[in-house]
Amino acid sequence: MNNKITHASNEFVFGKRNYQLLVGAIALIVLGFVLMAGGKPANPNEFVYNDMFSFTRITLAPVVVLAGFVMVVFAIMHKSND
């Protein structure tokens, strides 16, 4: 009978730089959703087309969110030297 004792490693899965990149990516995703949300109109009975369909909400915010997700993939795949 083979009685080998295995010890669990106390190391983290990723290095310090990976976690820093991951936090930055999550912040970028949150920023994109905040840009997408916008504010409420002064008069709720009036539809303001330019506020709803602005460049920030329609183009910039989704690009920022996608950049955040790409950064998450990079943070996971990046080989850290720590």
N, C-alpha and C. Protein backbone atom coordinates (compact mmCIF):
# COMPACT_ATOMS: atom_id res chain seq x y z
N MET A 1 0.84 -1.18 0.00
CA MET A 1 0.00 0.00 0.00
C MET A 1 0.89 1.25 0.00
N ASN A 2 0.53 2.20 -0.81
CA ASN A 2 1.33 3.42 -0.96
C ASN A 2 0.76 4.50 -0.06
N ASN A 3 1.51 4.92 0.96
CA ASN A 3 1.04 5.92 1.92
C ASN A 3 1.77 7.24 1.74
N LYS A 4 1.64 7.84 0.59
CA LYS A 4 2.27 9.14 0.35
C LYS A 4 1.40 10.24 0.92
N ILE A 5 2.03 11.19 1.57
CA ILE A 5 1.32 12.33 2.13
C ILE A 5 1.52 13.52 1.19
N THR A 6 0.44 14.10 0.75
CA THR A 6 0.53 15.28 -0.11
C THR A 6 0.12 16.50 0.70
N HIS A 7 0.86 17.57 0.50
CA HIS A 7 0.58 18.81 1.20
C HIS A 7 0.02 19.82 0.22
N ALA A 8 -0.99 20.53 0.66
CA ALA A 8 -1.58 21.57 -0.18
C ALA A 8 -0.65 22.78 -0.22
N SER A 9 -0.56 23.39 -1.36
CA SER A 9 0.27 24.57 -1.53
C SER A 9 -0.47 25.79 -0.99
N ASN A 10 0.26 26.67 -0.33
CA ASN A 10 -0.35 27.88 0.23
C ASN A 10 -0.19 29.07 -0.69
N GLU A 11 0.10 28.84 -1.95
CA GLU A 11 0.28 29.92 -2.89
C GLU A 11 -1.04 30.28 -3.56
N PHE A 12 -1.13 31.54 -3.99
CA PHE A 12 -2.30 31.98 -4.73
C PHE A 12 -2.24 31.44 -6.16
N VAL A 13 -3.38 31.41 -6.80
CA VAL A 13 -3.45 30.91 -8.17
C VAL A 13 -2.74 31.86 -9.12
N PHE A 14 -2.94 33.16 -8.93
CA PHE A 14 -2.34 34.18 -9.78
C PHE A 14 -1.33 34.98 -8.97
N GLY A 15 -0.49 35.70 -9.70
CA GLY A 15 0.48 36.58 -9.06
C GLY A 15 -0.14 37.93 -8.73
N LYS A 16 0.65 38.78 -8.08
CA LYS A 16 0.17 40.10 -7.66
C LYS A 16 -0.25 40.94 -8.87
N ARG A 17 0.54 40.90 -9.93
CA ARG A 17 0.24 41.69 -11.13
C ARG A 17 -1.07 41.25 -11.77
N ASN A 18 -1.35 39.94 -11.76
CA ASN A 18 -2.60 39.44 -12.33
C ASN A 18 -3.80 40.00 -11.58
N TYR A 19 -3.71 40.03 -10.26
CA TYR A 19 -4.81 40.56 -9.46
C TYR A 19 -4.98 42.07 -9.68
N GLN A 20 -3.87 42.78 -9.85
CA GLN A 20 -3.96 44.22 -10.13
C GLN A 20 -4.66 44.46 -11.47
N LEU A 21 -4.29 43.68 -12.46
CA LEU A 21 -4.93 43.80 -13.78
C LEU A 21 -6.41 43.44 -13.70
N LEU A 22 -6.74 42.44 -12.90
CA LEU A 22 -8.13 42.02 -12.76
C LEU A 22 -8.97 43.10 -12.09
N VAL A 23 -8.43 43.74 -11.06
CA VAL A 23 -9.16 44.83 -10.40
C VAL A 23 -9.35 46.00 -11.36
N GLY A 24 -8.31 46.32 -12.14
CA GLY A 24 -8.43 47.38 -13.13
C GLY A 24 -9.47 47.07 -14.19
N ALA A 25 -9.54 45.82 -14.60
CA ALA A 25 -10.53 45.40 -15.60
C ALA A 25 -11.94 45.51 -15.06
N ILE A 26 -12.13 45.10 -13.81
CA ILE A 26 -13.47 45.21 -13.20
C ILE A 26 -13.87 46.67 -13.06
N ALA A 27 -12.91 47.53 -12.71
CA ALA A 27 -13.20 48.96 -12.63
C ALA A 27 -13.59 49.52 -14.00
N LEU A 28 -12.94 49.05 -15.05
CA LEU A 28 -13.26 49.49 -16.40
C LEU A 28 -14.66 49.05 -16.81
N ILE A 29 -15.04 47.84 -16.45
CA ILE A 29 -16.39 47.35 -16.75
C ILE A 29 -17.43 48.17 -16.00
N VAL A 30 -17.19 48.44 -14.73
CA VAL A 30 -18.13 49.26 -13.94
C VAL A 30 -18.24 50.66 -14.54
N LEU A 31 -17.11 51.24 -14.94
CA LEU A 31 -17.14 52.57 -15.57
C LEU A 31 -17.99 52.55 -16.84
N GLY A 32 -17.87 51.51 -17.64
CA GLY A 32 -18.67 51.40 -18.86
C GLY A 32 -20.16 51.35 -18.57
N PHE A 33 -20.55 50.60 -17.53
CA PHE A 33 -21.97 50.53 -17.18
C PHE A 33 -22.47 51.85 -16.60
N VAL A 34 -21.62 52.55 -15.87
CA VAL A 34 -22.02 53.87 -15.35
C VAL A 34 -22.22 54.84 -16.50
N LEU A 35 -21.33 54.80 -17.49
CA LEU A 35 -21.49 55.66 -18.67
C LEU A 35 -22.76 55.31 -19.44
N MET A 36 -23.11 54.05 -19.45
CA MET A 36 -24.31 53.60 -20.17
C MET A 36 -25.59 54.04 -19.46
N ALA A 37 -25.54 54.13 -18.14
CA ALA A 37 -26.74 54.42 -17.37
C ALA A 37 -27.22 55.86 -17.56
N GLY A 38 -26.34 56.81 -17.44
CA GLY A 38 -26.74 58.20 -17.58
C GLY A 38 -27.57 58.70 -16.42
N GLY A 39 -28.22 59.83 -16.61
CA GLY A 39 -29.03 60.43 -15.55
C GLY A 39 -30.49 60.45 -15.92
N LYS A 40 -31.29 60.96 -14.98
CA LYS A 40 -32.73 61.03 -15.26
C LYS A 40 -33.07 62.40 -15.85
N PRO A 41 -34.11 62.47 -16.67
CA PRO A 41 -34.48 63.75 -17.28
C PRO A 41 -35.12 64.69 -16.27
N ALA A 42 -35.06 65.97 -16.57
CA ALA A 42 -35.67 66.97 -15.69
C ALA A 42 -37.18 66.81 -15.66
N ASN A 43 -37.78 66.54 -16.81
CA ASN A 43 -39.22 66.33 -16.91
C ASN A 43 -39.47 64.90 -17.37
N PRO A 44 -39.99 64.02 -16.51
CA PRO A 44 -40.17 62.62 -16.90
C PRO A 44 -41.23 62.41 -17.99
N ASN A 45 -42.07 63.39 -18.25
CA ASN A 45 -43.10 63.27 -19.28
C ASN A 45 -42.59 63.65 -20.66
N GLU A 46 -41.35 64.10 -20.75
CA GLU A 46 -40.79 64.55 -22.01
C GLU A 46 -39.63 63.63 -22.41
N PHE A 47 -39.64 63.15 -23.65
CA PHE A 47 -38.58 62.29 -24.15
C PHE A 47 -37.52 63.14 -24.83
N VAL A 48 -36.28 63.05 -24.35
CA VAL A 48 -35.18 63.81 -24.93
C VAL A 48 -34.31 62.83 -25.72
N TYR A 49 -34.41 62.91 -27.03
CA TYR A 49 -33.74 61.96 -27.92
C TYR A 49 -32.22 62.04 -27.78
N ASN A 50 -31.66 63.25 -27.73
CA ASN A 50 -30.21 63.42 -27.70
C ASN A 50 -29.59 62.88 -26.42
N ASP A 51 -30.31 62.91 -25.32
CA ASP A 51 -29.78 62.35 -24.07
C ASP A 51 -29.81 60.83 -24.09
N MET A 52 -30.87 60.28 -24.63
CA MET A 52 -31.02 58.82 -24.63
C MET A 52 -30.07 58.15 -25.62
N PHE A 53 -29.94 58.72 -26.81
CA PHE A 53 -29.14 58.11 -27.86
C PHE A 53 -27.88 58.92 -28.14
N SER A 54 -27.17 59.28 -27.09
CA SER A 54 -25.94 60.06 -27.25
C SER A 54 -24.77 59.14 -27.60
N PHE A 55 -23.69 59.74 -28.06
CA PHE A 55 -22.48 58.99 -28.41
C PHE A 55 -21.94 58.22 -27.20
N THR A 56 -22.02 58.82 -26.04
CA THR A 56 -21.49 58.18 -24.83
C THR A 56 -22.23 56.90 -24.51
N ARG A 57 -23.55 56.92 -24.57
CA ARG A 57 -24.35 55.74 -24.21
C ARG A 57 -24.35 54.66 -25.29
N ILE A 58 -24.34 55.06 -26.54
CA ILE A 58 -24.50 54.10 -27.63
C ILE A 58 -23.16 53.54 -28.12
N THR A 59 -22.10 54.34 -28.12
CA THR A 59 -20.83 53.90 -28.69
C THR A 59 -19.73 53.75 -27.65
N LEU A 60 -19.48 54.79 -26.89
CA LEU A 60 -18.34 54.80 -25.97
C LEU A 60 -18.49 53.78 -24.84
N ALA A 61 -19.64 53.73 -24.21
CA ALA A 61 -19.85 52.84 -23.06
C ALA A 61 -19.70 51.36 -23.44
N PRO A 62 -20.31 50.88 -24.52
CA PRO A 62 -20.09 49.47 -24.89
C PRO A 62 -18.64 49.14 -25.24
N VAL A 63 -17.93 50.08 -25.85
CA VAL A 63 -16.52 49.86 -26.16
C VAL A 63 -15.71 49.75 -24.87
N VAL A 64 -16.02 50.58 -23.88
CA VAL A 64 -15.32 50.53 -22.59
C VAL A 64 -15.60 49.20 -21.89
N VAL A 65 -16.84 48.74 -21.92
CA VAL A 65 -17.19 47.46 -21.30
C VAL A 65 -16.46 46.31 -22.00
N LEU A 66 -16.45 46.31 -23.33
CA LEU A 66 -15.74 45.26 -24.06
C LEU A 66 -14.24 45.29 -23.78
N ALA A 67 -13.67 46.49 -23.68
CA ALA A 67 -12.25 46.60 -23.34
C ALA A 67 -11.98 46.03 -21.95
N GLY A 68 -12.91 46.22 -21.03
CA GLY A 68 -12.78 45.64 -19.70
C GLY A 68 -12.79 44.12 -19.74
N PHE A 69 -13.67 43.53 -20.55
CA PHE A 69 -13.72 42.07 -20.66
C PHE A 69 -12.46 41.52 -21.33
N VAL A 70 -11.94 42.22 -22.32
CA VAL A 70 -10.68 41.81 -22.95
C VAL A 70 -9.55 41.88 -21.93
N MET A 71 -9.58 42.90 -21.09
CA MET A 71 -8.55 43.04 -20.05
C MET A 71 -8.66 41.92 -19.01
N VAL A 72 -9.87 41.45 -18.73
CA VAL A 72 -10.05 40.32 -17.81
C VAL A 72 -9.38 39.07 -18.39
N VAL A 73 -9.60 38.82 -19.67
CA VAL A 73 -8.97 37.66 -20.32
C VAL A 73 -7.45 37.79 -20.28
N PHE A 74 -6.95 38.99 -20.54
CA PHE A 74 -5.51 39.22 -20.48
C PHE A 74 -4.97 39.01 -19.07
N ALA A 75 -5.71 39.48 -18.06
CA ALA A 75 -5.27 39.32 -16.67
C ALA A 75 -5.21 37.85 -16.28
N ILE A 76 -6.11 37.05 -16.80
CA ILE A 76 -6.11 35.62 -16.49
C ILE A 76 -4.98 34.90 -17.22
N MET A 77 -4.74 35.26 -18.47
CA MET A 77 -3.76 34.55 -19.29
C MET A 77 -2.32 35.03 -19.08
N HIS A 78 -2.14 36.21 -18.51
CA HIS A 78 -0.81 36.80 -18.33
C HIS A 78 0.03 35.96 -17.37
N LYS A 79 1.24 35.60 -17.80
CA LYS A 79 2.14 34.83 -16.94
C LYS A 79 2.93 35.81 -16.10
N SER A 80 2.70 35.77 -14.80
CA SER A 80 3.34 36.70 -13.89
C SER A 80 4.70 36.17 -13.45
N ASN A 81 5.63 37.08 -13.18
CA ASN A 81 6.97 36.70 -12.72
C ASN A 81 7.10 36.76 -11.21
N ASP A 82 5.99 36.87 -10.51
CA ASP A 82 6.03 36.98 -9.04
C ASP A 82 6.46 35.69 -8.40
